[in-house]
Amino acid sequence: MQSAARTLDAPDIVDDHYLNLLDWRSANVLLIALNNAVCLWNAANGSTSELVTIDDDIGTVTSVRTLRGTRQSRVGSLEWNNNILTTGGMDGAIMNNDIRARVYTVSSFCAPCKWWK
């Protein structure tokens, strides 16, 4: 039986399985959201650093993935289907984003959205 190679301390991690608080990058770096900060852990050398901290009045970090210019509000849910990333936002919108395309959003559904006209 094998045991964990490393155990990392994650103070202030939000206990909510709907959030996307971890991301393991191809460069062998773990991104983790801890309340209103995003931290990096480098598996190669064990170093840690803080990538960004957002203002308390904005709220906690709910996801560590970013597609610039696709959302008008905080993302509450993410789901992958091959190259399509579907996001659900606090504005009530569901968007399908093709990460291969120059313009990410390929379809959307809104019921009702604040930005929908």
N, C-alpha and C. Protein backbone atom coordinates (compact mmCIF):
# COMPACT_ATOMS: atom_id res chain seq x y z
N MET A 1 0.84 -1.18 0.00
CA MET A 1 0.00 0.00 0.00
C MET A 1 0.88 1.25 0.00
N GLN A 2 0.52 2.20 -0.84
CA GLN A 2 1.28 3.45 -0.93
C GLN A 2 0.65 4.51 -0.06
N SER A 3 1.46 5.45 0.37
CA SER A 3 0.94 6.59 1.13
C SER A 3 1.19 7.86 0.33
N ALA A 4 0.59 8.94 0.78
CA ALA A 4 0.74 10.22 0.09
C ALA A 4 2.20 10.66 0.12
N ALA A 5 2.68 11.16 -1.01
CA ALA A 5 4.05 11.65 -1.08
C ALA A 5 4.21 12.97 -0.34
N ARG A 6 3.17 13.79 -0.37
CA ARG A 6 3.17 15.09 0.30
C ARG A 6 1.77 15.39 0.83
N THR A 7 1.72 16.04 1.93
CA THR A 7 0.46 16.55 2.46
C THR A 7 0.64 18.06 2.58
N LEU A 8 -0.24 18.81 1.91
CA LEU A 8 -0.13 20.26 1.90
C LEU A 8 -1.19 20.86 2.82
N ASP A 9 -0.80 21.86 3.57
CA ASP A 9 -1.71 22.59 4.43
C ASP A 9 -2.47 23.60 3.57
N ALA A 10 -3.78 23.65 3.71
CA ALA A 10 -4.61 24.57 2.92
C ALA A 10 -5.55 25.35 3.84
N PRO A 11 -4.99 26.31 4.60
CA PRO A 11 -5.85 27.10 5.49
C PRO A 11 -6.81 27.97 4.68
N ASP A 12 -7.99 28.16 5.18
CA ASP A 12 -9.01 29.02 4.56
C ASP A 12 -9.58 28.48 3.26
N ILE A 13 -9.39 27.19 2.95
CA ILE A 13 -10.01 26.64 1.74
C ILE A 13 -11.52 26.54 1.99
N VAL A 14 -12.32 26.95 1.03
CA VAL A 14 -13.77 26.93 1.15
C VAL A 14 -14.25 25.50 0.92
N ASP A 15 -15.07 25.00 1.82
CA ASP A 15 -15.58 23.63 1.73
C ASP A 15 -16.88 23.63 0.93
N ASP A 16 -16.75 23.59 -0.39
CA ASP A 16 -17.91 23.61 -1.29
C ASP A 16 -17.53 22.88 -2.57
N HIS A 17 -18.11 21.69 -2.80
CA HIS A 17 -17.70 20.88 -3.95
C HIS A 17 -18.14 21.46 -5.29
N TYR A 18 -18.96 22.50 -5.31
CA TYR A 18 -19.35 23.14 -6.56
C TYR A 18 -18.29 24.11 -7.07
N LEU A 19 -17.34 24.47 -6.24
CA LEU A 19 -16.29 25.40 -6.64
C LEU A 19 -15.12 24.65 -7.25
N ASN A 20 -14.34 25.35 -8.07
CA ASN A 20 -13.16 24.77 -8.73
C ASN A 20 -11.92 25.44 -8.15
N LEU A 21 -11.49 24.93 -7.00
CA LEU A 21 -10.45 25.60 -6.24
C LEU A 21 -9.05 25.06 -6.47
N LEU A 22 -8.92 23.98 -7.23
CA LEU A 22 -7.62 23.38 -7.53
C LEU A 22 -7.41 23.24 -9.03
N ASP A 23 -6.18 23.43 -9.46
CA ASP A 23 -5.84 23.18 -10.85
C ASP A 23 -4.38 22.76 -10.90
N TRP A 24 -4.12 21.60 -11.49
CA TRP A 24 -2.74 21.11 -11.64
C TRP A 24 -2.28 21.45 -13.05
N ARG A 25 -1.27 22.26 -13.15
CA ARG A 25 -0.77 22.74 -14.43
C ARG A 25 0.27 21.80 -15.01
N SER A 26 0.46 21.85 -16.32
CA SER A 26 1.43 20.97 -17.00
C SER A 26 2.87 21.25 -16.56
N ALA A 27 3.14 22.42 -16.03
CA ALA A 27 4.48 22.76 -15.53
C ALA A 27 4.71 22.18 -14.14
N ASN A 28 3.82 21.28 -13.69
CA ASN A 28 3.90 20.62 -12.38
C ASN A 28 3.73 21.62 -11.24
N VAL A 29 2.80 22.56 -11.46
CA VAL A 29 2.47 23.57 -10.46
C VAL A 29 0.99 23.43 -10.09
N LEU A 30 0.72 23.42 -8.80
CA LEU A 30 -0.65 23.34 -8.30
C LEU A 30 -1.13 24.73 -7.95
N LEU A 31 -2.30 25.13 -8.51
CA LEU A 31 -2.94 26.38 -8.13
C LEU A 31 -4.04 26.02 -7.16
N ILE A 32 -4.16 26.78 -6.07
CA ILE A 32 -5.20 26.53 -5.09
C ILE A 32 -5.75 27.86 -4.59
N ALA A 33 -7.09 27.94 -4.54
CA ALA A 33 -7.75 29.14 -4.04
C ALA A 33 -7.99 28.97 -2.55
N LEU A 34 -7.50 29.92 -1.77
CA LEU A 34 -7.67 29.92 -0.32
C LEU A 34 -8.38 31.20 0.07
N ASN A 35 -9.72 31.09 0.21
CA ASN A 35 -10.59 32.22 0.52
C ASN A 35 -10.49 33.27 -0.59
N ASN A 36 -9.80 34.39 -0.38
CA ASN A 36 -9.73 35.42 -1.42
C ASN A 36 -8.34 35.53 -2.06
N ALA A 37 -7.52 34.48 -1.92
CA ALA A 37 -6.19 34.46 -2.51
C ALA A 37 -6.01 33.21 -3.37
N VAL A 38 -5.16 33.32 -4.39
CA VAL A 38 -4.77 32.17 -5.20
C VAL A 38 -3.27 31.96 -4.98
N CYS A 39 -2.93 30.73 -4.56
CA CYS A 39 -1.55 30.40 -4.25
C CYS A 39 -1.03 29.34 -5.21
N LEU A 40 0.28 29.31 -5.38
CA LEU A 40 0.95 28.34 -6.24
C LEU A 40 1.85 27.46 -5.40
N TRP A 41 1.88 26.17 -5.73
CA TRP A 41 2.83 25.24 -5.12
C TRP A 41 3.56 24.53 -6.25
N ASN A 42 4.88 24.65 -6.27
CA ASN A 42 5.71 24.03 -7.30
C ASN A 42 6.13 22.65 -6.80
N ALA A 43 5.66 21.60 -7.46
CA ALA A 43 5.96 20.23 -7.03
C ALA A 43 7.42 19.86 -7.23
N ALA A 44 8.10 20.51 -8.17
CA ALA A 44 9.50 20.18 -8.45
C ALA A 44 10.42 20.58 -7.31
N ASN A 45 10.17 21.77 -6.74
CA ASN A 45 11.08 22.23 -5.68
C ASN A 45 10.39 22.50 -4.35
N GLY A 46 9.06 22.32 -4.29
CA GLY A 46 8.32 22.51 -3.04
C GLY A 46 8.07 23.94 -2.64
N SER A 47 8.40 24.89 -3.51
CA SER A 47 8.21 26.30 -3.15
C SER A 47 6.74 26.70 -3.27
N THR A 48 6.35 27.69 -2.49
CA THR A 48 5.00 28.24 -2.54
C THR A 48 5.09 29.74 -2.74
N SER A 49 4.06 30.29 -3.38
CA SER A 49 3.98 31.73 -3.57
C SER A 49 2.52 32.13 -3.73
N GLU A 50 2.24 33.39 -3.49
CA GLU A 50 0.89 33.92 -3.67
C GLU A 50 0.81 34.59 -5.03
N LEU A 51 -0.14 34.14 -5.85
CA LEU A 51 -0.29 34.68 -7.19
C LEU A 51 -1.08 35.98 -7.18
N VAL A 52 -2.22 35.98 -6.49
CA VAL A 52 -3.09 37.15 -6.47
C VAL A 52 -3.99 37.10 -5.23
N THR A 53 -4.36 38.27 -4.74
CA THR A 53 -5.35 38.41 -3.66
C THR A 53 -6.39 39.41 -4.14
N ILE A 54 -7.67 39.05 -4.00
CA ILE A 54 -8.74 39.96 -4.40
C ILE A 54 -9.31 40.65 -3.16
N ASP A 55 -9.95 41.79 -3.36
CA ASP A 55 -10.53 42.55 -2.26
C ASP A 55 -11.61 41.75 -1.56
N ASP A 56 -11.70 41.91 -0.24
CA ASP A 56 -12.70 41.20 0.56
C ASP A 56 -14.12 41.52 0.12
N ASP A 57 -14.38 42.75 -0.34
CA ASP A 57 -15.74 43.13 -0.73
C ASP A 57 -16.19 42.45 -2.03
N ILE A 58 -15.27 41.91 -2.82
CA ILE A 58 -15.63 41.17 -4.03
C ILE A 58 -16.09 39.77 -3.68
N GLY A 59 -15.52 39.18 -2.63
CA GLY A 59 -15.90 37.84 -2.19
C GLY A 59 -14.74 36.87 -2.32
N THR A 60 -15.06 35.59 -2.19
CA THR A 60 -14.03 34.57 -2.25
C THR A 60 -13.76 34.15 -3.69
N VAL A 61 -12.61 33.56 -3.93
CA VAL A 61 -12.27 33.01 -5.24
C VAL A 61 -13.09 31.74 -5.43
N THR A 62 -13.79 31.62 -6.57
CA THR A 62 -14.64 30.46 -6.84
C THR A 62 -14.08 29.55 -7.92
N SER A 63 -13.05 30.00 -8.63
CA SER A 63 -12.45 29.19 -9.68
C SER A 63 -11.05 29.71 -9.98
N VAL A 64 -10.15 28.80 -10.36
CA VAL A 64 -8.79 29.21 -10.68
C VAL A 64 -8.53 29.22 -12.18
N ARG A 65 -9.58 29.03 -13.01
CA ARG A 65 -9.42 29.10 -14.47
C ARG A 65 -9.99 30.41 -14.96
N THR A 66 -9.42 30.98 -16.03
CA THR A 66 -9.86 32.28 -16.54
C THR A 66 -9.99 32.25 -18.06
N LEU A 67 -11.11 32.75 -18.56
CA LEU A 67 -11.28 33.09 -19.97
C LEU A 67 -11.65 34.57 -19.98
N ARG A 68 -10.76 35.39 -20.43
CA ARG A 68 -10.99 36.84 -20.38
C ARG A 68 -12.09 37.26 -21.34
N GLY A 69 -12.96 38.15 -20.85
CA GLY A 69 -13.99 38.75 -21.68
C GLY A 69 -15.21 37.88 -21.95
N THR A 70 -15.41 36.81 -21.18
CA THR A 70 -16.56 35.94 -21.45
C THR A 70 -17.67 36.08 -20.43
N ARG A 71 -17.40 36.60 -19.24
CA ARG A 71 -18.40 36.65 -18.18
C ARG A 71 -18.59 38.08 -17.68
N GLN A 72 -19.80 38.36 -17.23
CA GLN A 72 -20.10 39.65 -16.62
C GLN A 72 -20.20 39.53 -15.10
N SER A 73 -20.17 38.32 -14.56
CA SER A 73 -20.29 38.11 -13.12
C SER A 73 -19.44 36.93 -12.68
N ARG A 74 -19.48 36.67 -11.39
CA ARG A 74 -18.70 35.57 -10.81
C ARG A 74 -19.19 34.23 -11.34
N VAL A 75 -18.25 33.34 -11.64
CA VAL A 75 -18.56 31.99 -12.11
C VAL A 75 -18.77 31.09 -10.90
N GLY A 76 -19.90 30.36 -10.89
CA GLY A 76 -20.20 29.46 -9.79
C GLY A 76 -20.00 28.00 -10.13
N SER A 77 -19.95 27.67 -11.44
CA SER A 77 -19.85 26.27 -11.84
C SER A 77 -19.13 26.16 -13.18
N LEU A 78 -18.32 25.10 -13.31
CA LEU A 78 -17.59 24.82 -14.54
C LEU A 78 -17.73 23.35 -14.90
N GLU A 79 -17.75 23.05 -16.19
CA GLU A 79 -17.76 21.65 -16.63
C GLU A 79 -17.06 21.56 -17.98
N TRP A 80 -16.16 20.60 -18.13
CA TRP A 80 -15.44 20.37 -19.37
C TRP A 80 -16.10 19.27 -20.18
N ASN A 81 -16.13 19.43 -21.51
CA ASN A 81 -16.52 18.39 -22.45
C ASN A 81 -15.57 18.53 -23.64
N ASN A 82 -14.48 17.78 -23.62
CA ASN A 82 -13.40 17.90 -24.60
C ASN A 82 -12.86 19.33 -24.59
N ASN A 83 -13.01 20.08 -25.68
CA ASN A 83 -12.50 21.45 -25.75
C ASN A 83 -13.53 22.51 -25.41
N ILE A 84 -14.71 22.09 -24.98
CA ILE A 84 -15.77 23.02 -24.62
C ILE A 84 -15.83 23.16 -23.10
N LEU A 85 -15.73 24.38 -22.61
CA LEU A 85 -15.87 24.69 -21.19
C LEU A 85 -17.21 25.37 -21.00
N THR A 86 -18.09 24.74 -20.25
CA THR A 86 -19.39 25.33 -19.95
C THR A 86 -19.32 25.98 -18.57
N THR A 87 -19.76 27.24 -18.50
CA THR A 87 -19.72 27.97 -17.23
C THR A 87 -21.12 28.44 -16.86
N GLY A 88 -21.39 28.40 -15.56
CA GLY A 88 -22.63 28.95 -15.02
C GLY A 88 -22.27 30.09 -14.10
N GLY A 89 -22.90 31.25 -14.32
CA GLY A 89 -22.53 32.43 -13.56
C GLY A 89 -23.61 32.90 -12.61
N MET A 90 -23.22 33.79 -11.70
CA MET A 90 -24.15 34.36 -10.73
C MET A 90 -25.19 35.25 -11.41
N ASP A 91 -24.96 35.62 -12.67
CA ASP A 91 -25.91 36.44 -13.41
C ASP A 91 -27.02 35.60 -14.04
N GLY A 92 -26.98 34.27 -13.87
CA GLY A 92 -27.99 33.39 -14.43
C GLY A 92 -27.66 32.86 -15.81
N ALA A 93 -26.51 33.22 -16.36
CA ALA A 93 -26.15 32.81 -17.72
C ALA A 93 -25.35 31.52 -17.70
N ILE A 94 -25.61 30.67 -18.69
CA ILE A 94 -24.81 29.47 -18.96
C ILE A 94 -24.17 29.69 -20.31
N MET A 95 -22.84 29.56 -20.37
CA MET A 95 -22.11 29.82 -21.61
C MET A 95 -21.25 28.62 -21.98
N ASN A 96 -21.24 28.29 -23.28
CA ASN A 96 -20.35 27.28 -23.82
C ASN A 96 -19.20 28.00 -24.50
N ASN A 97 -17.99 27.70 -24.07
CA ASN A 97 -16.80 28.35 -24.59
C ASN A 97 -15.88 27.32 -25.21
N ASP A 98 -15.51 27.54 -26.47
CA ASP A 98 -14.57 26.66 -27.15
C ASP A 98 -13.18 27.27 -26.97
N ILE A 99 -12.33 26.61 -26.20
CA ILE A 99 -11.03 27.18 -25.88
C ILE A 99 -10.08 27.23 -27.07
N ARG A 100 -10.45 26.55 -28.18
CA ARG A 100 -9.62 26.58 -29.39
C ARG A 100 -9.90 27.81 -30.24
N ALA A 101 -11.04 28.45 -30.03
CA ALA A 101 -11.48 29.56 -30.89
C ALA A 101 -10.93 30.90 -30.41
N ARG A 102 -10.74 31.81 -31.35
CA ARG A 102 -10.30 33.16 -31.00
C ARG A 102 -11.38 33.88 -30.19
N VAL A 103 -12.63 33.75 -30.60
CA VAL A 103 -13.77 34.26 -29.83
C VAL A 103 -14.35 33.06 -29.09
N TYR A 104 -14.16 33.01 -27.76
CA TYR A 104 -14.46 31.82 -26.97
C TYR A 104 -15.92 31.38 -26.99
N THR A 105 -16.85 32.30 -26.75
CA THR A 105 -18.24 31.93 -26.55
C THR A 105 -18.87 31.46 -27.84
N VAL A 106 -19.36 30.19 -27.85
CA VAL A 106 -19.99 29.63 -29.04
C VAL A 106 -21.50 29.55 -28.88
N SER A 107 -22.00 29.53 -27.64
CA SER A 107 -23.44 29.58 -27.40
C SER A 107 -23.68 29.98 -25.95
N SER A 108 -24.90 30.48 -25.69
CA SER A 108 -25.23 30.88 -24.33
C SER A 108 -26.73 30.73 -24.09
N PHE A 109 -27.07 30.61 -22.84
CA PHE A 109 -28.46 30.53 -22.41
C PHE A 109 -28.62 31.45 -21.21
N CYS A 110 -29.70 32.18 -21.18
CA CYS A 110 -29.90 33.14 -20.10
C CYS A 110 -31.33 33.09 -19.59
N ALA A 111 -31.48 33.01 -18.28
CA ALA A 111 -32.84 32.91 -17.72
C ALA A 111 -32.99 33.59 -16.37
N PRO A 112 -33.33 34.81 -16.27
CA PRO A 112 -32.96 35.95 -17.09
C PRO A 112 -31.63 36.52 -16.62
N CYS A 113 -30.90 37.12 -17.50
CA CYS A 113 -29.59 37.68 -17.18
C CYS A 113 -29.70 39.19 -17.03
N LYS A 114 -28.83 39.73 -16.19
CA LYS A 114 -28.79 41.17 -15.99
C LYS A 114 -28.32 41.89 -17.25
N TRP A 115 -27.41 41.23 -18.01
CA TRP A 115 -26.85 41.87 -19.21
C TRP A 115 -27.63 41.55 -20.47
N TRP A 116 -28.59 40.62 -20.39
CA TRP A 116 -29.38 40.21 -21.56
C TRP A 116 -30.36 41.30 -21.93
N LYS A 117 -30.42 41.68 -23.18
CA LYS A 117 -31.34 42.75 -23.60
C LYS A 117 -32.30 42.24 -24.63
